[in-house]
Each structure stands twice: as structure tokens, then as C-alpha cells.
Amino acid sequence: MQEIQNTTFVIIGMDTAEDARIVKDRLYHMGGLGGVATEIVPGGPSRIHIKHKAEITQDRALIEEVLR
């Protein structure tokens, strides 16, 4: 059985459910993800939680590029 990990990133500017949907859509197009959950904090630092296989390292620079 493969180990699943959760990686959390802080994201600025994700204030609404629509923002969260856009973020999820863009991240899923990257591939290599098992799931994406969002934690919205209006006016503050929201979070994205990415579930992935332990052997796949999430590339912060790639995620930033995908979310621009």
C-alpha cells in the first residue's frame, strides 16, 4: 500500500467559494494530486491542503505558476 501525505500551502487572495473552485480546478490540471481541500479565511491567509503519494514532492514554484 502506498503512503499518502498532506501538504499545506498558505494562499493569499482566495476569499470566496468561487476563488476556491478556481484554485482546485487549476491544481487538478497539474496532475499528481490525490485531492485538494481549501480553507477560506476572508481577508486573511487561506490554505490549500494537497493529498498526494509520499514519493511525489509538491513543487511550490510550479503551484505558484499554476495559480497566477
Protein backbone atom coordinates (compact mmCIF):
# COMPACT_ATOMS: atom_id res chain seq x y z
CA MET A 1 0.00 0.00 0.00
CA GLN A 2 1.30 3.47 -0.88
CA GLU A 3 1.68 6.12 1.78
CA ILE A 4 -0.43 9.27 1.31
CA GLN A 5 0.76 12.63 2.60
CA ASN A 6 -0.86 16.01 3.08
CA THR A 7 1.00 19.19 2.15
CA THR A 8 -0.43 22.56 3.18
CA PHE A 9 0.26 25.89 1.50
CA VAL A 10 -0.87 29.37 2.52
CA ILE A 11 -2.57 31.27 -0.29
CA ILE A 12 -3.41 34.97 -0.34
CA GLY A 13 -6.47 36.24 -2.24
CA MET A 14 -8.68 33.15 -2.03
CA ASP A 15 -11.64 34.77 -0.26
CA THR A 16 -14.75 33.14 -1.77
CA ALA A 17 -16.09 29.73 -2.71
CA GLU A 18 -15.68 30.73 -6.38
CA ASP A 19 -11.99 31.51 -5.75
CA ALA A 20 -11.60 28.09 -4.12
CA ARG A 21 -13.23 26.35 -7.11
CA ILE A 22 -10.84 28.10 -9.50
CA VAL A 23 -7.84 27.12 -7.34
CA LYS A 24 -8.96 23.48 -7.23
CA ASP A 25 -9.57 23.36 -10.99
CA ARG A 26 -6.12 24.77 -11.76
CA LEU A 27 -4.37 22.43 -9.32
CA TYR A 28 -6.11 19.31 -10.64
CA HIS A 29 -4.85 20.15 -14.14
CA MET A 30 -1.29 19.89 -12.76
CA GLY A 31 -1.73 16.16 -12.18
CA GLY A 32 -0.15 14.01 -9.49
CA LEU A 33 -2.68 15.01 -6.84
CA GLY A 34 -4.98 12.72 -4.91
CA GLY A 35 -7.15 15.53 -3.59
CA VAL A 36 -7.32 19.23 -2.83
CA ALA A 37 -9.14 20.82 0.10
CA THR A 38 -9.43 24.53 0.72
CA GLU A 39 -9.73 26.55 3.92
CA ILE A 40 -11.06 30.05 3.20
CA VAL A 41 -10.19 32.94 5.54
CA PRO A 42 -11.74 36.11 4.06
CA GLY A 43 -9.25 38.97 4.18
CA GLY A 44 -6.53 36.73 5.57
CA PRO A 45 -4.21 33.90 4.63
CA SER A 46 -6.31 31.00 3.36
CA ARG A 47 -4.89 27.49 2.94
CA ILE A 48 -4.87 24.71 0.39
CA HIS A 49 -4.32 21.12 1.54
CA ILE A 50 -2.99 18.77 -1.13
CA LYS A 51 -3.11 14.98 -0.68
CA HIS A 52 -0.53 13.10 -2.71
CA LYS A 53 1.62 9.98 -2.78
CA ALA A 54 4.58 10.20 -0.41
CA GLU A 55 7.10 9.82 -3.23
CA ILE A 56 5.72 12.88 -5.08
CA THR A 57 7.13 16.16 -3.78
CA GLN A 58 4.92 19.18 -4.34
CA ASP A 59 6.80 21.94 -6.15
CA ARG A 60 5.89 25.30 -4.61
CA ALA A 61 7.16 27.24 -7.66
CA LEU A 62 5.01 25.15 -10.01
CA ILE A 63 1.96 25.62 -7.79
CA GLU A 64 2.55 29.38 -7.72
CA GLU A 65 2.84 29.44 -11.51
CA VAL A 66 -0.35 27.40 -11.98
CA LEU A 67 -2.30 29.73 -9.68
CA ARG A 68 -1.29 33.00 -11.37
